[in-house]
Amino acid sequence: MGGFGRQAQKRANTIGTGDPVKALSDAGFRSGSAYIAGFASIGLSLAAWAISLRTNSDRAQADRWGIFIGHWAPTFFALGIALKQEEQEHAR
């Protein structure tokens, strides 16, 4: 490995494992929080859709707001599963 490769490896070792889920877990984020955020984003999606529908005459715009926020839920649920696995690994 050349000098550049060694420097990159040294930086990677100083920064950590490079595992964002482990970094979130180490920072105190727990799977339950991610699940709650997922359910909250579903409610927020419905609320954003309803509010946008009332304040804006363009139904398509209201639908886009609801769909945009609705995409957050699967991300939070997937993050919750990953954090749960990290918690189980840590418990061993």
PDB file of N, CA and C in Angstrom:
ATOM      1  N   MET A   1       0.850  -1.165   0.000  1.00  0.00           N
ATOM      2  CA  MET A   1       0.000   0.000   0.000  1.00  0.00           C
ATOM      3  C   MET A   1       0.896   1.228   0.000  1.00  0.00           C
ATOM      4  N   GLY A   2       0.586   2.196  -0.840  1.00  0.00           N
ATOM      5  CA  GLY A   2       1.379   3.413  -0.940  1.00  0.00           C
ATOM      6  C   GLY A   2       1.131   4.351   0.229  1.00  0.00           C
ATOM      7  N   GLY A   3       1.822   5.481   0.196  1.00  0.00           N
ATOM      8  CA  GLY A   3       1.693   6.464   1.260  1.00  0.00           C
ATOM      9  C   GLY A   3       0.276   6.981   1.413  1.00  0.00           C
ATOM     10  N   PHE A   4      -0.393   7.178   0.269  1.00  0.00           N
ATOM     11  CA  PHE A   4      -1.771   7.676   0.327  1.00  0.00           C
ATOM     12  C   PHE A   4      -2.674   6.666   1.018  1.00  0.00           C
ATOM     13  N   GLY A   5      -2.504   5.392   0.719  1.00  0.00           N
ATOM     14  CA  GLY A   5      -3.317   4.341   1.328  1.00  0.00           C
ATOM     15  C   GLY A   5      -3.096   4.242   2.824  1.00  0.00           C
ATOM     16  N   ARG A   6      -1.851   4.376   3.238  1.00  0.00           N
ATOM     17  CA  ARG A   6      -1.551   4.325   4.673  1.00  0.00           C
ATOM     18  C   ARG A   6      -2.166   5.510   5.397  1.00  0.00           C
ATOM     19  N   GLN A   7      -2.116   6.683   4.778  1.00  0.00           N
ATOM     20  CA  GLN A   7      -2.720   7.869   5.399  1.00  0.00           C
ATOM     21  C   GLN A   7      -4.231   7.717   5.524  1.00  0.00           C
ATOM     22  N   ALA A   8      -4.842   7.188   4.482  1.00  0.00           N
ATOM     23  CA  ALA A   8      -6.293   6.986   4.515  1.00  0.00           C
ATOM     24  C   ALA A   8      -6.666   5.977   5.605  1.00  0.00           C
ATOM     25  N   GLN A   9      -5.866   4.907   5.715  1.00  0.00           N
ATOM     26  CA  GLN A   9      -6.131   3.905   6.745  1.00  0.00           C
ATOM     27  C   GLN A   9      -5.955   4.503   8.138  1.00  0.00           C
ATOM     28  N   LYS A  10      -4.947   5.326   8.304  1.00  0.00           N
ATOM     29  CA  LYS A  10      -4.705   5.962   9.597  1.00  0.00           C
ATOM     30  C   LYS A  10      -5.872   6.879   9.964  1.00  0.00           C
ATOM     31  N   ARG A  11      -6.376   7.655   8.987  1.00  0.00           N
ATOM     32  CA  ARG A  11      -7.527   8.532   9.233  1.00  0.00           C
ATOM     33  C   ARG A  11      -8.758   7.715   9.583  1.00  0.00           C
ATOM     34  N   ALA A  12      -8.952   6.605   8.883  1.00  0.00           N
ATOM     35  CA  ALA A  12     -10.117   5.764   9.153  1.00  0.00           C
ATOM     36  C   ALA A  12     -10.050   5.191  10.561  1.00  0.00           C
ATOM     37  N   ASN A  13      -8.873   4.811  10.999  1.00  0.00           N
ATOM     38  CA  ASN A  13      -8.724   4.281  12.353  1.00  0.00           C
ATOM     39  C   ASN A  13      -8.947   5.351  13.400  1.00  0.00           C
ATOM     40  N   THR A  14      -8.565   6.589  13.092  1.00  0.00           N
ATOM     41  CA  THR A  14      -8.757   7.684  14.062  1.00  0.00           C
ATOM     42  C   THR A  14     -10.220   8.094  14.136  1.00  0.00           C
ATOM     43  N   ILE A  15     -10.896   8.094  13.004  1.00  0.00           N
ATOM     44  CA  ILE A  15     -12.292   8.513  12.973  1.00  0.00           C
ATOM     45  C   ILE A  15     -13.172   7.459  13.638  1.00  0.00           C
ATOM     46  N   GLY A  16     -12.867   6.221  13.462  1.00  0.00           N
ATOM     47  CA  GLY A  16     -13.668   5.139  14.041  1.00  0.00           C
ATOM     48  C   GLY A  16     -13.821   4.023  13.048  1.00  0.00           C
ATOM     49  N   THR A  17     -14.827   3.245  13.250  1.00  0.00           N
ATOM     50  CA  THR A  17     -15.019   2.061  12.416  1.00  0.00           C
ATOM     51  C   THR A  17     -15.626   2.399  11.058  1.00  0.00           C
ATOM     52  N   GLY A  18     -16.182   3.559  10.910  1.00  0.00           N
ATOM     53  CA  GLY A  18     -16.844   3.913   9.654  1.00  0.00           C
ATOM     54  C   GLY A  18     -18.248   3.347   9.577  1.00  0.00           C
ATOM     55  N   ASP A  19     -18.761   2.825  10.679  1.00  0.00           N
ATOM     56  CA  ASP A  19     -20.097   2.255  10.731  1.00  0.00           C
ATOM     57  C   ASP A  19     -21.061   3.299  11.296  1.00  0.00           C
ATOM     58  N   PRO A  20     -21.903   3.899  10.443  1.00  0.00           N
ATOM     59  CA  PRO A  20     -22.780   4.965  10.928  1.00  0.00           C
ATOM     60  C   PRO A  20     -23.803   4.484  11.954  1.00  0.00           C
ATOM     61  N   VAL A  21     -24.248   3.237  11.849  1.00  0.00           N
ATOM     62  CA  VAL A  21     -25.216   2.724  12.819  1.00  0.00           C
ATOM     63  C   VAL A  21     -24.559   2.595  14.185  1.00  0.00           C
ATOM     64  N   LYS A  22     -23.328   2.086  14.210  1.00  0.00           N
ATOM     65  CA  LYS A  22     -22.601   1.980  15.473  1.00  0.00           C
ATOM     66  C   LYS A  22     -22.340   3.372  16.044  1.00  0.00           C
ATOM     67  N   ALA A  23     -22.010   4.315  15.182  1.00  0.00           N
ATOM     68  CA  ALA A  23     -21.775   5.686  15.649  1.00  0.00           C
ATOM     69  C   ALA A  23     -23.036   6.272  16.271  1.00  0.00           C
ATOM     70  N   LEU A  24     -24.196   6.039  15.642  1.00  0.00           N
ATOM     71  CA  LEU A  24     -25.455   6.527  16.213  1.00  0.00           C
ATOM     72  C   LEU A  24     -25.754   5.847  17.546  1.00  0.00           C
ATOM     73  N   SER A  25     -25.508   4.542  17.601  1.00  0.00           N
ATOM     74  CA  SER A  25     -25.735   3.803  18.837  1.00  0.00           C
ATOM     75  C   SER A  25     -24.822   4.304  19.950  1.00  0.00           C
ATOM     76  N   ASP A  26     -23.567   4.535  19.616  1.00  0.00           N
ATOM     77  CA  ASP A  26     -22.615   5.054  20.597  1.00  0.00           C
ATOM     78  C   ASP A  26     -22.987   6.457  21.061  1.00  0.00           C
ATOM     79  N   ALA A  27     -23.658   7.211  20.180  1.00  0.00           N
ATOM     80  CA  ALA A  27     -24.069   8.573  20.528  1.00  0.00           C
ATOM     81  C   ALA A  27     -25.323   8.588  21.403  1.00  0.00           C
ATOM     82  N   GLY A  28     -25.942   7.416  21.596  1.00  0.00           N
ATOM     83  CA  GLY A  28     -27.096   7.355  22.489  1.00  0.00           C
ATOM     84  C   GLY A  28     -28.434   7.147  21.804  1.00  0.00           C
ATOM     85  N   PHE A  29     -28.451   7.053  20.484  1.00  0.00           N
ATOM     86  CA  PHE A  29     -29.707   6.801  19.780  1.00  0.00           C
ATOM     87  C   PHE A  29     -30.091   5.343  19.974  1.00  0.00           C
ATOM     88  N   ARG A  30     -31.362   5.087  20.245  1.00  0.00           N
ATOM     89  CA  ARG A  30     -31.849   3.731  20.474  1.00  0.00           C
ATOM     90  C   ARG A  30     -32.924   3.391  19.454  1.00  0.00           C
ATOM     91  N   SER A  31     -33.153   2.102  19.280  1.00  0.00           N
ATOM     92  CA  SER A  31     -34.108   1.635  18.276  1.00  0.00           C
ATOM     93  C   SER A  31     -35.514   2.162  18.562  1.00  0.00           C
ATOM     94  N   GLY A  32     -35.894   2.232  19.818  1.00  0.00           N
ATOM     95  CA  GLY A  32     -37.225   2.735  20.168  1.00  0.00           C
ATOM     96  C   GLY A  32     -37.456   4.156  19.690  1.00  0.00           C
ATOM     97  N   SER A  33     -36.418   4.962  19.763  1.00  0.00           N
ATOM     98  CA  SER A  33     -36.530   6.349  19.292  1.00  0.00           C
ATOM     99  C   SER A  33     -36.752   6.396  17.786  1.00  0.00           C
ATOM    100  N   ALA A  34     -36.085   5.511  17.058  1.00  0.00           N
ATOM    101  CA  ALA A  34     -36.248   5.477  15.607  1.00  0.00           C
ATOM    102  C   ALA A  34     -37.655   5.012  15.235  1.00  0.00           C
ATOM    103  N   TYR A  35     -38.187   4.021  15.984  1.00  0.00           N
ATOM    104  CA  TYR A  35     -39.552   3.560  15.711  1.00  0.00           C
ATOM    105  C   TYR A  35     -40.571   4.660  15.989  1.00  0.00           C
ATOM    106  N   ILE A  36     -40.385   5.372  17.075  1.00  0.00           N
ATOM    107  CA  ILE A  36     -41.287   6.484  17.406  1.00  0.00           C
ATOM    108  C   ILE A  36     -41.225   7.549  16.310  1.00  0.00           C
ATOM    109  N   ALA A  37     -40.020   7.846  15.837  1.00  0.00           N
ATOM    110  CA  ALA A  37     -39.867   8.828  14.755  1.00  0.00           C
ATOM    111  C   ALA A  37     -40.565   8.355  13.485  1.00  0.00           C
ATOM    112  N   GLY A  38     -40.537   7.053  13.212  1.00  0.00           N
ATOM    113  CA  GLY A  38     -41.226   6.502  12.043  1.00  0.00           C
ATOM    114  C   GLY A  38     -42.729   6.698  12.125  1.00  0.00           C
ATOM    115  N   PHE A  39     -43.297   6.369  13.292  1.00  0.00           N
ATOM    116  CA  PHE A  39     -44.741   6.561  13.458  1.00  0.00           C
ATOM    117  C   PHE A  39     -45.116   8.038  13.460  1.00  0.00           C
ATOM    118  N   ALA A  40     -44.265   8.861  14.057  1.00  0.00           N
ATOM    119  CA  ALA A  40     -44.524  10.306  14.060  1.00  0.00           C
ATOM    120  C   ALA A  40     -44.496  10.865  12.639  1.00  0.00           C
ATOM    121  N   SER A  41     -43.595  10.354  11.805  1.00  0.00           N
ATOM    122  CA  SER A  41     -43.524  10.860  10.434  1.00  0.00           C
ATOM    123  C   SER A  41     -44.759  10.474   9.629  1.00  0.00           C
ATOM    124  N   ILE A  42     -45.373   9.346   9.970  1.00  0.00           N
ATOM    125  CA  ILE A  42     -46.630   8.980   9.307  1.00  0.00           C
ATOM    126  C   ILE A  42     -47.713  10.000   9.662  1.00  0.00           C
ATOM    127  N   GLY A  43     -47.822  10.327  10.950  1.00  0.00           N
ATOM    128  CA  GLY A  43     -48.786  11.332  11.381  1.00  0.00           C
ATOM    129  C   GLY A  43     -48.488  12.698  10.786  1.00  0.00           C
ATOM    130  N   LEU A  44     -47.210  13.051  10.761  1.00  0.00           N
ATOM    131  CA  LEU A  44     -46.806  14.331  10.183  1.00  0.00           C
ATOM    132  C   LEU A  44     -47.111  14.384   8.692  1.00  0.00           C
ATOM    133  N   SER A  45     -46.967  13.258   8.020  1.00  0.00           N
ATOM    134  CA  SER A  45     -47.278  13.188   6.598  1.00  0.00           C
ATOM    135  C   SER A  45     -48.758  13.471   6.345  1.00  0.00           C
ATOM    136  N   LEU A  46     -49.613  12.847   7.152  1.00  0.00           N
ATOM    137  CA  LEU A  46     -51.053  13.092   7.010  1.00  0.00           C
ATOM    138  C   LEU A  46     -51.408  14.543   7.340  1.00  0.00           C
ATOM    139  N   ALA A  47     -50.786  15.068   8.395  1.00  0.00           N
ATOM    140  CA  ALA A  47     -51.053  16.457   8.780  1.00  0.00           C
ATOM    141  C   ALA A  47     -50.579  17.427   7.702  1.00  0.00           C
ATOM    142  N   ALA A  48     -49.388  17.195   7.159  1.00  0.00           N
ATOM    143  CA  ALA A  48     -48.861  18.080   6.107  1.00  0.00           C
ATOM    144  C   ALA A  48     -49.746  18.037   4.874  1.00  0.00           C
ATOM    145  N   TRP A  49     -50.227  16.850   4.537  1.00  0.00           N
ATOM    146  CA  TRP A  49     -51.106  16.715   3.381  1.00  0.00           C
ATOM    147  C   TRP A  49     -52.400  17.493   3.606  1.00  0.00           C
ATOM    148  N   ALA A  50     -53.004  17.315   4.792  1.00  0.00           N
ATOM    149  CA  ALA A  50     -54.273  17.975   5.082  1.00  0.00           C
ATOM    150  C   ALA A  50     -54.124  19.496   5.139  1.00  0.00           C
ATOM    151  N   ILE A  51     -53.065  19.964   5.784  1.00  0.00           N
ATOM    152  CA  ILE A  51     -52.838  21.414   5.886  1.00  0.00           C
ATOM    153  C   ILE A  51     -52.551  22.015   4.523  1.00  0.00           C
ATOM    154  N   SER A  52     -51.719  21.331   3.740  1.00  0.00           N
ATOM    155  CA  SER A  52     -51.391  21.835   2.406  1.00  0.00           C
ATOM    156  C   SER A  52     -52.619  21.834   1.505  1.00  0.00           C
ATOM    157  N   LEU A  53     -53.473  20.846   1.687  1.00  0.00           N
ATOM    158  CA  LEU A  53     -54.692  20.763   0.879  1.00  0.00           C
ATOM    159  C   LEU A  53     -55.631  21.931   1.195  1.00  0.00           C
ATOM    160  N   ARG A  54     -55.695  22.321   2.454  1.00  0.00           N
ATOM    161  CA  ARG A  54     -56.580  23.427   2.855  1.00  0.00           C
ATOM    162  C   ARG A  54     -56.016  24.793   2.484  1.00  0.00           C
ATOM    163  N   THR A  55     -54.721  24.953   2.586  1.00  0.00           N
ATOM    164  CA  THR A  55     -54.124  26.266   2.350  1.00  0.00           C
ATOM    165  C   THR A  55     -53.753  26.499   0.896  1.00  0.00           C
ATOM    166  N   ASN A  56     -53.711  25.454   0.113  1.00  0.00           N
ATOM    167  CA  ASN A  56     -53.285  25.575  -1.279  1.00  0.00           C
ATOM    168  C   ASN A  56     -54.363  24.945  -2.159  1.00  0.00           C
ATOM    169  N   SER A  57     -54.738  25.628  -3.199  1.00  0.00           N
ATOM    170  CA  SER A  57     -55.783  25.098  -4.071  1.00  0.00           C
ATOM    171  C   SER A  57     -55.256  23.999  -4.993  1.00  0.00           C
ATOM    172  N   ASP A  58     -53.943  23.844  -5.053  1.00  0.00           N
ATOM    173  CA  ASP A  58     -53.332  22.846  -5.931  1.00  0.00           C
ATOM    174  C   ASP A  58     -53.234  21.512  -5.191  1.00  0.00           C
ATOM    175  N   ARG A  59     -54.106  20.578  -5.525  1.00  0.00           N
ATOM    176  CA  ARG A  59     -54.113  19.267  -4.856  1.00  0.00           C
ATOM    177  C   ARG A  59     -52.816  18.505  -5.100  1.00  0.00           C
ATOM    178  N   ALA A  60     -52.243  18.664  -6.278  1.00  0.00           N
ATOM    179  CA  ALA A  60     -51.001  17.958  -6.581  1.00  0.00           C
ATOM    180  C   ALA A  60     -49.882  18.384  -5.628  1.00  0.00           C
ATOM    181  N   GLN A  61     -49.844  19.658  -5.296  1.00  0.00           N
ATOM    182  CA  GLN A  61     -48.823  20.144  -4.360  1.00  0.00           C
ATOM    183  C   GLN A  61     -49.037  19.535  -2.971  1.00  0.00           C
ATOM    184  N   ALA A  62     -50.280  19.437  -2.545  1.00  0.00           N
ATOM    185  CA  ALA A  62     -50.595  18.829  -1.248  1.00  0.00           C
ATOM    186  C   ALA A  62     -50.171  17.363  -1.240  1.00  0.00           C
ATOM    187  N   ASP A  63     -50.437  16.658  -2.331  1.00  0.00           N
ATOM    188  CA  ASP A  63     -50.036  15.256  -2.428  1.00  0.00           C
ATOM    189  C   ASP A  63     -48.521  15.116  -2.352  1.00  0.00           C
ATOM    190  N   ARG A  64     -47.801  16.016  -3.017  1.00  0.00           N
ATOM    191  CA  ARG A  64     -46.328  15.950  -2.989  1.00  0.00           C
ATOM    192  C   ARG A  64     -45.784  16.155  -1.588  1.00  0.00           C
ATOM    193  N   TRP A  65     -46.371  17.091  -0.826  1.00  0.00           N
ATOM    194  CA  TRP A  65     -45.917  17.311   0.547  1.00  0.00           C
ATOM    195  C   TRP A  65     -46.118  16.052   1.382  1.00  0.00           C
ATOM    196  N   GLY A  66     -47.297  15.456   1.272  1.00  0.00           N
ATOM    197  CA  GLY A  66     -47.589  14.246   2.026  1.00  0.00           C
ATOM    198  C   GLY A  66     -46.673  13.096   1.661  1.00  0.00           C
ATOM    199  N   ILE A  67     -46.433  12.922   0.380  1.00  0.00           N
ATOM    200  CA  ILE A  67     -45.562  11.842  -0.083  1.00  0.00           C
ATOM    201  C   ILE A  67     -44.122  12.097   0.347  1.00  0.00           C
ATOM    202  N   PHE A  68     -43.654  13.338   0.251  1.00  0.00           N
ATOM    203  CA  PHE A  68     -42.278  13.670   0.644  1.00  0.00           C
ATOM    204  C   PHE A  68     -42.027  13.291   2.104  1.00  0.00           C
ATOM    205  N   ILE A  69     -42.909  13.710   2.976  1.00  0.00           N
ATOM    206  CA  ILE A  69     -42.727  13.409   4.400  1.00  0.00           C
ATOM    207  C   ILE A  69     -42.997  11.927   4.659  1.00  0.00           C
ATOM    208  N   GLY A  70     -43.886  11.320   3.899  1.00  0.00           N
ATOM    209  CA  GLY A  70     -44.182   9.902   4.050  1.00  0.00           C
ATOM    210  C   GLY A  70     -42.998   9.008   3.748  1.00  0.00           C
ATOM    211  N   HIS A  71     -42.065   9.483   2.947  1.00  0.00           N
ATOM    212  CA  HIS A  71     -40.865   8.694   2.653  1.00  0.00           C
ATOM    213  C   HIS A  71     -39.922   8.588   3.845  1.00  0.00           C
ATOM    214  N   TRP A  72     -40.101   9.419   4.836  1.00  0.00           N
ATOM    215  CA  TRP A  72     -39.227   9.355   6.008  1.00  0.00           C
ATOM    216  C   TRP A  72     -39.496   8.106   6.831  1.00  0.00           C
ATOM    217  N   ALA A  73     -40.746   7.668   6.908  1.00  0.00           N
ATOM    218  CA  ALA A  73     -41.125   6.555   7.784  1.00  0.00           C
ATOM    219  C   ALA A  73     -40.317   5.285   7.518  1.00  0.00           C
ATOM    220  N   PRO A  74     -40.211   4.797   6.279  1.00  0.00           N
ATOM    221  CA  PRO A  74     -39.434   3.577   6.063  1.00  0.00           C
ATOM    222  C   PRO A  74     -37.961   3.739   6.452  1.00  0.00           C
ATOM    223  N   THR A  75     -37.439   4.937   6.279  1.00  0.00           N
ATOM    224  CA  THR A  75     -36.054   5.187   6.661  1.00  0.00           C
ATOM    225  C   THR A  75     -35.886   5.054   8.164  1.00  0.00           C
ATOM    226  N   PHE A  76     -36.795   5.644   8.922  1.00  0.00           N
ATOM    227  CA  PHE A  76     -36.719   5.539  10.382  1.00  0.00           C
ATOM    228  C   PHE A  76     -36.917   4.098  10.845  1.00  0.00           C
ATOM    229  N   PHE A  77     -37.840   3.365  10.225  1.00  0.00           N
ATOM    230  CA  PHE A  77     -38.068   1.971  10.624  1.00  0.00           C
ATOM    231  C   PHE A  77     -36.839   1.109  10.309  1.00  0.00           C
ATOM    232  N   ALA A  78     -36.230   1.322   9.151  1.00  0.00           N
ATOM    233  CA  ALA A  78     -35.014   0.574   8.807  1.00  0.00           C
ATOM    234  C   ALA A  78     -33.882   0.909   9.772  1.00  0.00           C
ATOM    235  N   LEU A  79     -33.770   2.167  10.123  1.00  0.00           N
ATOM    236  CA  LEU A  79     -32.759   2.584  11.091  1.00  0.00           C
ATOM    237  C   LEU A  79     -33.042   1.950  12.455  1.00  0.00           C
ATOM    238  N   GLY A  80     -34.300   1.858  12.825  1.00  0.00           N
ATOM    239  CA  GLY A  80     -34.674   1.208  14.077  1.00  0.00           C
ATOM    240  C   GLY A  80     -34.259  -0.258  14.102  1.00  0.00           C
ATOM    241  N   ILE A  81     -34.451  -0.961  12.992  1.00  0.00           N
ATOM    242  CA  ILE A  81     -34.043  -2.363  12.903  1.00  0.00           C
ATOM    243  C   ILE A  81     -32.530  -2.483  13.013  1.00  0.00           C
ATOM    244  N   ALA A  82     -31.813  -1.617  12.305  1.00  0.00           N
ATOM    245  CA  ALA A  82     -30.352  -1.653  12.365  1.00  0.00           C
ATOM    246  C   ALA A  82     -29.847  -1.345  13.774  1.00  0.00           C
ATOM    247  N   LEU A  83     -30.457  -0.378  14.437  1.00  0.00           N
ATOM    248  CA  LEU A  83     -30.059  -0.047  15.805  1.00  0.00           C
ATOM    249  C   LEU A  83     -30.394  -1.186  16.763  1.00  0.00           C
ATOM    250  N   LYS A  84     -31.522  -1.861  16.540  1.00  0.00           N
ATOM    251  CA  LYS A  84     -31.899  -2.999  17.380  1.00  0.00           C
ATOM    252  C   LYS A  84     -30.855  -4.111  17.254  1.00  0.00           C
ATOM    253  N   GLN A  85     -30.399  -4.372  16.034  1.00  0.00           N
ATOM    254  CA  GLN A  85     -29.355  -5.379  15.834  1.00  0.00           C
ATOM    255  C   GLN A  85     -28.059  -4.962  16.524  1.00  0.00           C
ATOM    256  N   GLU A  86     -27.731  -3.688  16.459  1.00  0.00           N
ATOM    257  CA  GLU A  86     -26.533  -3.183  17.128  1.00  0.00           C
ATOM    258  C   GLU A  86     -26.668  -3.338  18.647  1.00  0.00           C
ATOM    259  N   GLU A  87     -27.849  -3.067  19.184  1.00  0.00           N
ATOM    260  CA  GLU A  87     -28.086  -3.229  20.616  1.00  0.00           C
ATOM    261  C   GLU A  87     -27.925  -4.688  21.038  1.00  0.00           C
ATOM    262  N   GLN A  88     -28.428  -5.616  20.203  1.00  0.00           N
ATOM    263  CA  GLN A  88     -28.307  -7.035  20.512  1.00  0.00           C
ATOM    264  C   GLN A  88     -26.850  -7.489  20.447  1.00  0.00           C
ATOM    265  N   GLU A  89     -26.096  -6.969  19.483  1.00  0.00           N
ATOM    266  CA  GLU A  89     -24.667  -7.305  19.377  1.00  0.00           C
ATOM    267  C   GLU A  89     -23.916  -6.794  20.603  1.00  0.00           C
ATOM    268  N   HIS A  90     -24.291  -5.608  21.040  1.00  0.00           N
ATOM    269  CA  HIS A  90     -23.617  -5.002  22.180  1.00  0.00           C
ATOM    270  C   HIS A  90     -23.923  -5.773  23.472  1.00  0.00           C
ATOM    271  N   ALA A  91     -25.136  -6.351  23.550  1.00  0.00           N
ATOM    272  CA  ALA A  91     -25.547  -7.064  24.752  1.00  0.00           C
ATOM    273  C   ALA A  91     -24.815  -8.406  24.912  1.00  0.00           C
ATOM    274  N   ARG A  92     -24.274  -8.940  23.804  1.00  0.00           N
ATOM    275  CA  ARG A  92     -23.576 -10.232  23.878  1.00  0.00           C
ATOM    276  C   ARG A  92     -22.263 -10.130  24.539  1.00  0.00           C
TER     277      ARG A  92
END
